[in-house]
Amino acid sequence: MQFTAYEHKDFVDYVGEVTFRGEDLAAPAAGEVRTDGRAMSREDFDELVGDGC
């Protein structure tokens, strides 16, 4: 994952790039997300990130 910020006079553009493999997409079941190298429920993800996002 890579984030870049382009600063302008009145605003900032943030650009993010995410790279993944086909098997990463196949791992989560319906309703799950993949993060931290594993698949987890949306509720578990929300608990993991807390107020950090």
PDB file of N, CA and C in Angstrom:
ATOM      1  N   MET A   1       0.843  -1.154   0.000  1.00  0.00           N
ATOM      2  CA  MET A   1       0.000   0.000   0.000  1.00  0.00           C
ATOM      3  C   MET A   1       0.897   1.228   0.000  1.00  0.00           C
ATOM      4  N   GLN A   2       0.509   2.209  -0.807  1.00  0.00           N
ATOM      5  CA  GLN A   2       1.298   3.425  -0.903  1.00  0.00           C
ATOM      6  C   GLN A   2       0.368   4.635  -0.976  1.00  0.00           C
ATOM      7  N   PHE A   3       0.672   5.658  -0.222  1.00  0.00           N
ATOM      8  CA  PHE A   3      -0.089   6.894  -0.248  1.00  0.00           C
ATOM      9  C   PHE A   3       0.845   8.040  -0.627  1.00  0.00           C
ATOM     10  N   THR A   4       0.343   8.934  -1.462  1.00  0.00           N
ATOM     11  CA  THR A   4       1.102  10.108  -1.867  1.00  0.00           C
ATOM     12  C   THR A   4       0.225  11.335  -1.681  1.00  0.00           C
ATOM     13  N   ALA A   5       0.799  12.411  -1.208  1.00  0.00           N
ATOM     14  CA  ALA A   5       0.071  13.670  -1.040  1.00  0.00           C
ATOM     15  C   ALA A   5       0.685  14.712  -1.963  1.00  0.00           C
ATOM     16  N   TYR A   6      -0.177  15.360  -2.750  1.00  0.00           N
ATOM     17  CA  TYR A   6       0.249  16.436  -3.626  1.00  0.00           C
ATOM     18  C   TYR A   6      -0.312  17.732  -3.056  1.00  0.00           C
ATOM     19  N   GLU A   7       0.580  18.593  -2.556  1.00  0.00           N
ATOM     20  CA  GLU A   7       0.140  19.834  -1.927  1.00  0.00           C
ATOM     21  C   GLU A   7      -0.010  20.934  -2.968  1.00  0.00           C
ATOM     22  N   HIS A   8      -1.148  21.588  -2.914  1.00  0.00           N
ATOM     23  CA  HIS A   8      -1.440  22.738  -3.762  1.00  0.00           C
ATOM     24  C   HIS A   8      -1.603  23.953  -2.847  1.00  0.00           C
ATOM     25  N   LYS A   9      -1.802  25.098  -3.419  1.00  0.00           N
ATOM     26  CA  LYS A   9      -1.914  26.312  -2.612  1.00  0.00           C
ATOM     27  C   LYS A   9      -3.086  26.251  -1.630  1.00  0.00           C
ATOM     28  N   ASP A  10      -4.246  25.776  -2.095  1.00  0.00           N
ATOM     29  CA  ASP A  10      -5.461  25.797  -1.273  1.00  0.00           C
ATOM     30  C   ASP A  10      -5.970  24.426  -0.833  1.00  0.00           C
ATOM     31  N   PHE A  11      -5.345  23.353  -1.286  1.00  0.00           N
ATOM     32  CA  PHE A  11      -5.839  22.016  -0.961  1.00  0.00           C
ATOM     33  C   PHE A  11      -4.733  20.989  -1.144  1.00  0.00           C
ATOM     34  N   VAL A  12      -5.007  19.770  -0.719  1.00  0.00           N
ATOM     35  CA  VAL A  12      -4.070  18.659  -0.876  1.00  0.00           C
ATOM     36  C   VAL A  12      -4.797  17.506  -1.548  1.00  0.00           C
ATOM     37  N   ASP A  13      -4.184  16.929  -2.586  1.00  0.00           N
ATOM     38  CA  ASP A  13      -4.698  15.712  -3.228  1.00  0.00           C
ATOM     39  C   ASP A  13      -4.008  14.516  -2.576  1.00  0.00           C
ATOM     40  N   TYR A  14      -4.783  13.534  -2.141  1.00  0.00           N
ATOM     41  CA  TYR A  14      -4.231  12.291  -1.594  1.00  0.00           C
ATOM     42  C   TYR A  14      -4.521  11.166  -2.584  1.00  0.00           C
ATOM     43  N   VAL A  15      -3.488  10.424  -2.940  1.00  0.00           N
ATOM     44  CA  VAL A  15      -3.616   9.321  -3.884  1.00  0.00           C
ATOM     45  C   VAL A  15      -3.144   8.052  -3.193  1.00  0.00           C
ATOM     46  N   GLY A  16      -3.960   6.993  -3.259  1.00  0.00           N
ATOM     47  CA  GLY A  16      -3.591   5.720  -2.656  1.00  0.00           C
ATOM     48  C   GLY A  16      -3.500   4.631  -3.705  1.00  0.00           C
ATOM     49  N   GLU A  17      -2.538   3.744  -3.543  1.00  0.00           N
ATOM     50  CA  GLU A  17      -2.364   2.614  -4.454  1.00  0.00           C
ATOM     51  C   GLU A  17      -2.282   1.337  -3.630  1.00  0.00           C
ATOM     52  N   VAL A  18      -3.105   0.356  -3.991  1.00  0.00           N
ATOM     53  CA  VAL A  18      -3.137  -0.914  -3.284  1.00  0.00           C
ATOM     54  C   VAL A  18      -2.823  -2.022  -4.290  1.00  0.00           C
ATOM     55  N   THR A  19      -1.932  -2.914  -3.928  1.00  0.00           N
ATOM     56  CA  THR A  19      -1.562  -4.044  -4.778  1.00  0.00           C
ATOM     57  C   THR A  19      -1.959  -5.335  -4.067  1.00  0.00           C
ATOM     58  N   PHE A  20      -2.560  -6.275  -4.812  1.00  0.00           N
ATOM     59  CA  PHE A  20      -2.978  -7.536  -4.222  1.00  0.00           C
ATOM     60  C   PHE A  20      -2.919  -8.639  -5.266  1.00  0.00           C
ATOM     61  N   ARG A  21      -3.007  -9.884  -4.783  1.00  0.00           N
ATOM     62  CA  ARG A  21      -2.979 -11.072  -5.645  1.00  0.00           C
ATOM     63  C   ARG A  21      -4.394 -11.618  -5.806  1.00  0.00           C
ATOM     64  N   GLY A  22      -4.602 -12.433  -6.805  1.00  0.00           N
ATOM     65  CA  GLY A  22      -5.904 -13.049  -7.036  1.00  0.00           C
ATOM     66  C   GLY A  22      -6.388 -13.856  -5.849  1.00  0.00           C
ATOM     67  N   GLU A  23      -5.492 -14.567  -5.190  1.00  0.00           N
ATOM     68  CA  GLU A  23      -5.893 -15.373  -4.024  1.00  0.00           C
ATOM     69  C   GLU A  23      -6.330 -14.499  -2.851  1.00  0.00           C
ATOM     70  N   ASP A  24      -5.803 -13.258  -2.788  1.00  0.00           N
ATOM     71  CA  ASP A  24      -6.248 -12.332  -1.742  1.00  0.00           C
ATOM     72  C   ASP A  24      -7.726 -11.994  -1.924  1.00  0.00           C
ATOM     73  N   LEU A  25      -8.156 -11.875  -3.175  1.00  0.00           N
ATOM     74  CA  LEU A  25      -9.558 -11.569  -3.455  1.00  0.00           C
ATOM     75  C   LEU A  25     -10.464 -12.757  -3.176  1.00  0.00           C
ATOM     76  N   ALA A  26      -9.951 -13.961  -3.345  1.00  0.00           N
ATOM     77  CA  ALA A  26     -10.762 -15.160  -3.160  1.00  0.00           C
ATOM     78  C   ALA A  26     -10.910 -15.533  -1.679  1.00  0.00           C
ATOM     79  N   ALA A  27     -10.031 -15.039  -0.814  1.00  0.00           N
ATOM     80  CA  ALA A  27     -10.027 -15.462   0.586  1.00  0.00           C
ATOM     81  C   ALA A  27     -11.259 -15.045   1.384  1.00  0.00           C
ATOM     82  N   PRO A  28     -11.694 -13.796   1.324  1.00  0.00           N
ATOM     83  CA  PRO A  28     -12.844 -13.404   2.151  1.00  0.00           C
ATOM     84  C   PRO A  28     -14.163 -13.970   1.614  1.00  0.00           C
ATOM     85  N   ALA A  29     -15.011 -14.377   2.511  1.00  0.00           N
ATOM     86  CA  ALA A  29     -16.363 -14.798   2.141  1.00  0.00           C
ATOM     87  C   ALA A  29     -17.238 -13.548   2.035  1.00  0.00           C
ATOM     88  N   ALA A  30     -18.458 -13.718   1.588  1.00  0.00           N
ATOM     89  CA  ALA A  30     -19.381 -12.590   1.487  1.00  0.00           C
ATOM     90  C   ALA A  30     -19.519 -11.916   2.855  1.00  0.00           C
ATOM     91  N   GLY A  31     -19.428 -10.597   2.881  1.00  0.00           N
ATOM     92  CA  GLY A  31     -19.556  -9.862   4.136  1.00  0.00           C
ATOM     93  C   GLY A  31     -18.269  -9.720   4.922  1.00  0.00           C
ATOM     94  N   GLU A  32     -17.169 -10.271   4.421  1.00  0.00           N
ATOM     95  CA  GLU A  32     -15.888 -10.166   5.108  1.00  0.00           C
ATOM     96  C   GLU A  32     -14.972  -9.198   4.367  1.00  0.00           C
ATOM     97  N   VAL A  33     -13.976  -8.702   5.070  1.00  0.00           N
ATOM     98  CA  VAL A  33     -12.945  -7.869   4.472  1.00  0.00           C
ATOM     99  C   VAL A  33     -11.596  -8.527   4.722  1.00  0.00           C
ATOM    100  N   ARG A  34     -10.624  -8.196   3.890  1.00  0.00           N
ATOM    101  CA  ARG A  34      -9.273  -8.737   4.071  1.00  0.00           C
ATOM    102  C   ARG A  34      -8.369  -7.610   4.549  1.00  0.00           C
ATOM    103  N   THR A  35      -7.756  -7.822   5.687  1.00  0.00           N
ATOM    104  CA  THR A  35      -6.816  -6.846   6.233  1.00  0.00           C
ATOM    105  C   THR A  35      -5.867  -7.554   7.181  1.00  0.00           C
ATOM    106  N   ASP A  36      -4.738  -6.953   7.385  1.00  0.00           N
ATOM    107  CA  ASP A  36      -3.770  -7.507   8.327  1.00  0.00           C
ATOM    108  C   ASP A  36      -3.389  -8.941   7.967  1.00  0.00           C
ATOM    109  N   GLY A  37      -3.418  -9.259   6.646  1.00  0.00           N
ATOM    110  CA  GLY A  37      -3.037 -10.575   6.168  1.00  0.00           C
ATOM    111  C   GLY A  37      -4.062 -11.666   6.381  1.00  0.00           C
ATOM    112  N   ARG A  38      -5.310 -11.294   6.701  1.00  0.00           N
ATOM    113  CA  ARG A  38      -6.343 -12.314   6.947  1.00  0.00           C
ATOM    114  C   ARG A  38      -7.723 -11.744   6.634  1.00  0.00           C
ATOM    115  N   ALA A  39      -8.673 -12.649   6.489  1.00  0.00           N
ATOM    116  CA  ALA A  39     -10.065 -12.253   6.275  1.00  0.00           C
ATOM    117  C   ALA A  39     -10.761 -12.139   7.621  1.00  0.00           C
ATOM    118  N   MET A  40     -11.642 -11.146   7.753  1.00  0.00           N
ATOM    119  CA  MET A  40     -12.386 -10.971   9.005  1.00  0.00           C
ATOM    120  C   MET A  40     -13.724 -10.310   8.715  1.00  0.00           C
ATOM    121  N   SER A  41     -14.631 -10.422   9.676  1.00  0.00           N
ATOM    122  CA  SER A  41     -15.949  -9.805   9.510  1.00  0.00           C
ATOM    123  C   SER A  41     -15.815  -8.289   9.570  1.00  0.00           C
ATOM    124  N   ARG A  42     -16.813  -7.596   9.052  1.00  0.00           N
ATOM    125  CA  ARG A  42     -16.803  -6.132   9.092  1.00  0.00           C
ATOM    126  C   ARG A  42     -16.783  -5.640  10.545  1.00  0.00           C
ATOM    127  N   GLU A  43     -17.505  -6.329  11.412  1.00  0.00           N
ATOM    128  CA  GLU A  43     -17.533  -5.941  12.821  1.00  0.00           C
ATOM    129  C   GLU A  43     -16.144  -6.074  13.461  1.00  0.00           C
ATOM    130  N   ASP A  44     -15.449  -7.184  13.155  1.00  0.00           N
ATOM    131  CA  ASP A  44     -14.098  -7.370  13.688  1.00  0.00           C
ATOM    132  C   ASP A  44     -13.141  -6.309  13.136  1.00  0.00           C
ATOM    133  N   PHE A  45     -13.323  -5.960  11.859  1.00  0.00           N
ATOM    134  CA  PHE A  45     -12.500  -4.920  11.257  1.00  0.00           C
ATOM    135  C   PHE A  45     -12.732  -3.578  11.953  1.00  0.00           C
ATOM    136  N   ASP A  46     -13.991  -3.224  12.172  1.00  0.00           N
ATOM    137  CA  ASP A  46     -14.325  -1.975  12.853  1.00  0.00           C
ATOM    138  C   ASP A  46     -13.685  -1.926  14.248  1.00  0.00           C
ATOM    139  N   GLU A  47     -13.699  -3.058  14.937  1.00  0.00           N
ATOM    140  CA  GLU A  47     -13.097  -3.136  16.276  1.00  0.00           C
ATOM    141  C   GLU A  47     -11.577  -2.990  16.187  1.00  0.00           C
ATOM    142  N   LEU A  48     -10.971  -3.600  15.168  1.00  0.00           N
ATOM    143  CA  LEU A  48      -9.525  -3.551  14.987  1.00  0.00           C
ATOM    144  C   LEU A  48      -9.051  -2.114  14.743  1.00  0.00           C
ATOM    145  N   VAL A  49      -9.720  -1.407  13.865  1.00  0.00           N
ATOM    146  CA  VAL A  49      -9.252  -0.055  13.527  1.00  0.00           C
ATOM    147  C   VAL A  49      -9.733   0.996  14.520  1.00  0.00           C
ATOM    148  N   GLY A  50     -10.829   0.731  15.214  1.00  0.00           N
ATOM    149  CA  GLY A  50     -11.325   1.673  16.215  1.00  0.00           C
ATOM    150  C   GLY A  50     -11.490   3.060  15.637  1.00  0.00           C
ATOM    151  N   ASP A  51     -10.957   4.020  16.326  1.00  0.00           N
ATOM    152  CA  ASP A  51     -11.053   5.412  15.883  1.00  0.00           C
ATOM    153  C   ASP A  51      -9.875   5.813  15.008  1.00  0.00           C
ATOM    154  N   GLY A  52      -9.032   4.853  14.625  1.00  0.00           N
ATOM    155  CA  GLY A  52      -7.840   5.171  13.858  1.00  0.00           C
ATOM    156  C   GLY A  52      -8.097   5.567  12.427  1.00  0.00           C
ATOM    157  N   CYS A  53      -9.235   5.266  11.910  1.00  0.00           N
ATOM    158  CA  CYS A  53      -9.544   5.617  10.509  1.00  0.00           C
ATOM    159  C   CYS A  53     -10.590   6.696  10.441  1.00  0.00           C
TER     160      CYS A  53
END
